[in-house]
């Protein structure tokens, strides 16, 4: 959720965040992970956490995820999410 907030605030790009996280020792960045598990699945989990914490603003689901779901860009399973997998 923090990575989405950084992206929403236009601090940097999603691929730069992923590169930074990989350089810190993670196997993949948060946007690569969301694409892997499915943006719709991640959004559902985020929504559940948000509701479980009495809708605390800190856990509010991202409009970026919601928009990607509306567009059908669910990640690897749809061929496009944050990254485009149609050419791979």
N, C-alpha and C. Protein backbone atom coordinates (compact mmCIF):
# COMPACT_ATOMS: atom_id res chain seq x y z
N UNK A 1 0.82 -1.19 0.00
CA UNK A 1 0.00 0.00 0.00
C UNK A 1 0.87 1.25 0.00
N UNK A 2 1.99 1.17 0.71
CA UNK A 2 2.89 2.33 0.75
C UNK A 2 3.44 2.65 -0.65
N UNK A 3 3.76 1.62 -1.40
CA UNK A 3 4.30 1.86 -2.75
C UNK A 3 3.25 2.53 -3.64
N UNK A 4 2.00 2.15 -3.48
CA UNK A 4 0.94 2.79 -4.25
C UNK A 4 0.76 4.24 -3.84
N UNK A 5 0.92 4.53 -2.57
CA UNK A 5 0.81 5.92 -2.11
C UNK A 5 1.96 6.77 -2.68
N UNK A 6 3.15 6.20 -2.75
CA UNK A 6 4.29 6.91 -3.35
C UNK A 6 3.99 7.19 -4.82
N UNK A 7 3.42 6.20 -5.52
CA UNK A 7 3.07 6.38 -6.92
C UNK A 7 1.96 7.42 -7.08
N UNK A 8 0.94 7.37 -6.23
CA UNK A 8 -0.14 8.35 -6.28
C UNK A 8 0.37 9.77 -6.07
N UNK A 9 1.34 9.92 -5.19
CA UNK A 9 1.92 11.24 -4.91
C UNK A 9 2.92 11.68 -5.98
N UNK A 10 3.11 10.84 -7.00
CA UNK A 10 3.99 11.15 -8.14
C UNK A 10 5.44 11.42 -7.70
N UNK A 11 5.88 10.70 -6.66
CA UNK A 11 7.26 10.83 -6.19
C UNK A 11 8.21 10.23 -7.20
N UNK A 12 7.82 9.09 -7.76
CA UNK A 12 8.61 8.41 -8.78
C UNK A 12 7.70 7.43 -9.51
N UNK A 13 8.26 6.70 -10.46
CA UNK A 13 7.48 5.76 -11.26
C UNK A 13 7.42 4.39 -10.59
N UNK A 14 6.46 3.58 -11.02
CA UNK A 14 6.32 2.24 -10.44
C UNK A 14 7.54 1.37 -10.74
N UNK A 15 8.10 1.51 -11.94
CA UNK A 15 9.27 0.69 -12.27
C UNK A 15 10.51 1.13 -11.48
N UNK A 16 10.61 2.40 -11.17
CA UNK A 16 11.72 2.86 -10.32
C UNK A 16 11.58 2.32 -8.90
N UNK A 17 10.35 2.25 -8.40
CA UNK A 17 10.11 1.67 -7.08
C UNK A 17 10.50 0.20 -7.08
N UNK A 18 10.11 -0.52 -8.12
CA UNK A 18 10.48 -1.94 -8.22
C UNK A 18 12.00 -2.12 -8.27
N UNK A 19 12.67 -1.31 -9.05
CA UNK A 19 14.14 -1.40 -9.14
C UNK A 19 14.79 -1.12 -7.79
N UNK A 20 14.29 -0.14 -7.09
CA UNK A 20 14.82 0.19 -5.77
C UNK A 20 14.65 -0.98 -4.80
N UNK A 21 13.49 -1.58 -4.80
CA UNK A 21 13.24 -2.71 -3.90
C UNK A 21 14.11 -3.91 -4.26
N UNK A 22 14.29 -4.18 -5.54
CA UNK A 22 15.19 -5.28 -5.94
C UNK A 22 16.62 -4.98 -5.52
N UNK A 23 17.04 -3.73 -5.65
CA UNK A 23 18.41 -3.37 -5.25
C UNK A 23 18.60 -3.48 -3.74
N UNK A 24 17.49 -3.44 -2.99
CA UNK A 24 17.55 -3.58 -1.54
C UNK A 24 17.51 -5.05 -1.10
N UNK A 25 17.45 -5.95 -2.09
CA UNK A 25 17.51 -7.37 -1.78
C UNK A 25 16.22 -8.15 -1.94
N UNK A 26 15.14 -7.48 -2.29
CA UNK A 26 13.89 -8.20 -2.52
C UNK A 26 13.94 -8.89 -3.88
N UNK A 27 13.28 -10.01 -4.02
CA UNK A 27 13.30 -10.77 -5.28
C UNK A 27 12.53 -10.04 -6.38
N UNK A 28 11.54 -9.28 -5.99
CA UNK A 28 10.79 -8.48 -6.95
C UNK A 28 10.21 -7.28 -6.22
N UNK A 29 9.84 -6.28 -7.00
CA UNK A 29 9.26 -5.09 -6.43
C UNK A 29 7.76 -5.27 -6.19
N UNK A 30 7.15 -4.33 -5.49
CA UNK A 30 5.73 -4.45 -5.16
C UNK A 30 4.80 -4.46 -6.37
N UNK A 31 5.15 -3.76 -7.43
CA UNK A 31 4.30 -3.72 -8.61
C UNK A 31 4.44 -5.00 -9.43
N UNK A 32 5.64 -5.55 -9.46
CA UNK A 32 5.83 -6.86 -10.09
C UNK A 32 5.03 -7.91 -9.32
N UNK A 33 5.04 -7.82 -8.00
CA UNK A 33 4.31 -8.77 -7.17
C UNK A 33 2.80 -8.64 -7.38
N UNK A 34 2.31 -7.40 -7.43
CA UNK A 34 0.88 -7.20 -7.68
C UNK A 34 0.48 -7.78 -9.04
N UNK A 35 1.32 -7.59 -10.05
CA UNK A 35 1.04 -8.15 -11.37
C UNK A 35 1.05 -9.68 -11.31
N UNK A 36 1.94 -10.24 -10.55
CA UNK A 36 2.04 -11.70 -10.45
C UNK A 36 0.80 -12.31 -9.78
N UNK A 37 0.39 -11.75 -8.65
CA UNK A 37 -0.75 -12.34 -7.94
C UNK A 37 -2.09 -11.87 -8.49
N UNK A 38 -2.09 -10.79 -9.22
CA UNK A 38 -3.31 -10.23 -9.79
C UNK A 38 -3.70 -8.96 -9.05
N UNK A 39 -3.85 -7.90 -9.79
CA UNK A 39 -4.20 -6.62 -9.19
C UNK A 39 -5.57 -6.70 -8.53
N UNK A 40 -6.47 -7.48 -9.13
CA UNK A 40 -7.80 -7.66 -8.54
C UNK A 40 -7.73 -8.40 -7.21
N UNK A 41 -6.86 -9.40 -7.13
CA UNK A 41 -6.70 -10.15 -5.88
C UNK A 41 -6.09 -9.24 -4.82
N UNK A 42 -5.05 -8.50 -5.20
CA UNK A 42 -4.41 -7.59 -4.26
C UNK A 42 -5.39 -6.52 -3.78
N UNK A 43 -6.21 -6.02 -4.67
CA UNK A 43 -7.20 -5.00 -4.30
C UNK A 43 -8.21 -5.58 -3.30
N UNK A 44 -8.64 -6.81 -3.53
CA UNK A 44 -9.59 -7.46 -2.62
C UNK A 44 -8.98 -7.62 -1.23
N UNK A 45 -7.72 -8.00 -1.16
CA UNK A 45 -7.05 -8.15 0.13
C UNK A 45 -6.92 -6.78 0.80
N UNK A 46 -6.52 -5.78 0.04
CA UNK A 46 -6.38 -4.43 0.58
C UNK A 46 -7.72 -3.92 1.12
N UNK A 47 -8.79 -4.18 0.39
CA UNK A 47 -10.12 -3.77 0.82
C UNK A 47 -10.50 -4.47 2.13
N UNK A 48 -10.16 -5.74 2.23
CA UNK A 48 -10.44 -6.50 3.45
C UNK A 48 -9.68 -5.94 4.66
N UNK A 49 -8.42 -5.60 4.44
CA UNK A 49 -7.61 -5.00 5.51
C UNK A 49 -8.21 -3.65 5.91
N UNK A 50 -8.56 -2.85 4.92
CA UNK A 50 -9.16 -1.53 5.16
C UNK A 50 -10.43 -1.65 6.02
N UNK A 51 -11.28 -2.57 5.65
CA UNK A 51 -12.52 -2.76 6.42
C UNK A 51 -12.23 -3.34 7.80
N UNK A 52 -11.24 -4.21 7.88
CA UNK A 52 -10.88 -4.81 9.16
C UNK A 52 -10.31 -3.83 10.16
N UNK A 53 -9.75 -2.75 9.65
CA UNK A 53 -9.19 -1.69 10.51
C UNK A 53 -10.12 -0.48 10.56
N UNK A 54 -11.42 -0.75 10.51
CA UNK A 54 -12.44 0.30 10.62
C UNK A 54 -12.22 1.46 9.65
N UNK A 55 -11.82 1.11 8.45
CA UNK A 55 -11.63 2.07 7.35
C UNK A 55 -10.64 3.18 7.70
N UNK A 56 -9.58 2.78 8.36
CA UNK A 56 -8.50 3.74 8.66
C UNK A 56 -7.89 4.23 7.35
N UNK A 57 -7.75 5.52 7.22
CA UNK A 57 -7.24 6.11 5.97
C UNK A 57 -5.91 5.49 5.52
N UNK A 58 -5.10 5.14 6.46
CA UNK A 58 -3.79 4.54 6.19
C UNK A 58 -3.91 3.28 5.30
N UNK A 59 -5.02 2.56 5.40
CA UNK A 59 -5.20 1.31 4.68
C UNK A 59 -6.16 1.43 3.50
N UNK A 60 -6.53 2.63 3.14
CA UNK A 60 -7.50 2.83 2.06
C UNK A 60 -6.96 2.26 0.75
N UNK A 61 -7.76 1.45 0.05
CA UNK A 61 -7.33 0.91 -1.24
C UNK A 61 -7.03 2.03 -2.24
N UNK A 62 -6.13 1.74 -3.14
CA UNK A 62 -5.67 2.74 -4.10
C UNK A 62 -6.61 2.88 -5.30
N UNK A 63 -6.84 4.12 -5.69
CA UNK A 63 -7.61 4.40 -6.91
C UNK A 63 -6.87 3.88 -8.14
N UNK A 64 -5.56 3.80 -8.08
CA UNK A 64 -4.77 3.29 -9.20
C UNK A 64 -5.14 1.83 -9.46
N UNK A 65 -5.20 1.04 -8.40
CA UNK A 65 -5.59 -0.37 -8.54
C UNK A 65 -7.02 -0.47 -9.09
N UNK A 66 -7.92 0.30 -8.52
CA UNK A 66 -9.32 0.27 -8.96
C UNK A 66 -9.43 0.59 -10.45
N UNK A 67 -8.70 1.59 -10.91
CA UNK A 67 -8.75 1.96 -12.32
C UNK A 67 -8.22 0.84 -13.20
N UNK A 68 -7.14 0.21 -12.79
CA UNK A 68 -6.57 -0.91 -13.57
C UNK A 68 -7.57 -2.06 -13.66
N UNK A 69 -8.28 -2.33 -12.58
CA UNK A 69 -9.29 -3.39 -12.59
C UNK A 69 -10.41 -3.02 -13.56
N UNK A 70 -10.88 -1.78 -13.51
CA UNK A 70 -11.94 -1.32 -14.43
C UNK A 70 -11.51 -1.47 -15.89
N UNK A 71 -10.22 -1.25 -16.15
CA UNK A 71 -9.70 -1.35 -17.52
C UNK A 71 -9.43 -2.80 -17.93
N UNK A 72 -9.50 -3.72 -16.98
CA UNK A 72 -9.22 -5.12 -17.27
C UNK A 72 -7.74 -5.46 -17.24
N UNK A 73 -6.93 -4.53 -16.73
CA UNK A 73 -5.49 -4.73 -16.64
C UNK A 73 -5.16 -5.32 -15.26
N UNK A 74 -5.25 -6.65 -15.18
CA UNK A 74 -5.15 -7.34 -13.90
C UNK A 74 -3.76 -7.89 -13.61
N UNK A 75 -2.82 -7.70 -14.51
CA UNK A 75 -1.47 -8.23 -14.31
C UNK A 75 -1.16 -9.30 -15.34
N UNK A 76 -0.29 -10.21 -14.98
CA UNK A 76 0.15 -11.24 -15.91
C UNK A 76 -1.00 -12.05 -16.49
N UNK A 77 -2.01 -12.34 -15.68
CA UNK A 77 -3.11 -13.19 -16.15
C UNK A 77 -3.94 -12.54 -17.25
N UNK A 78 -3.90 -11.23 -17.35
CA UNK A 78 -4.64 -10.55 -18.42
C UNK A 78 -3.71 -10.02 -19.51
N UNK A 79 -2.41 -10.17 -19.31
CA UNK A 79 -1.43 -9.70 -20.30
C UNK A 79 -0.93 -8.30 -20.05
N UNK A 80 -1.56 -7.59 -19.13
CA UNK A 80 -1.13 -6.23 -18.80
C UNK A 80 -1.60 -5.87 -17.41
N UNK A 81 -0.74 -5.20 -16.69
CA UNK A 81 -1.06 -4.67 -15.37
C UNK A 81 -0.29 -3.37 -15.26
N UNK A 82 0.67 -3.35 -14.36
CA UNK A 82 1.59 -2.22 -14.34
C UNK A 82 2.58 -2.37 -15.50
N UNK A 83 2.90 -3.62 -15.82
CA UNK A 83 3.78 -3.94 -16.93
C UNK A 83 2.96 -4.58 -18.06
N UNK A 84 3.51 -4.53 -19.27
CA UNK A 84 2.86 -5.13 -20.43
C UNK A 84 3.51 -6.48 -20.69
N UNK A 85 2.72 -7.56 -20.59
CA UNK A 85 3.22 -8.91 -20.79
C UNK A 85 2.83 -9.47 -22.14
N UNK A 86 2.13 -8.71 -22.94
CA UNK A 86 1.65 -9.21 -24.23
C UNK A 86 2.79 -9.45 -25.22
N UNK A 87 3.92 -8.81 -25.02
CA UNK A 87 5.04 -8.93 -25.94
C UNK A 87 6.08 -9.95 -25.47
N UNK A 88 5.82 -10.58 -24.31
CA UNK A 88 6.81 -11.50 -23.75
C UNK A 88 6.45 -12.93 -24.06
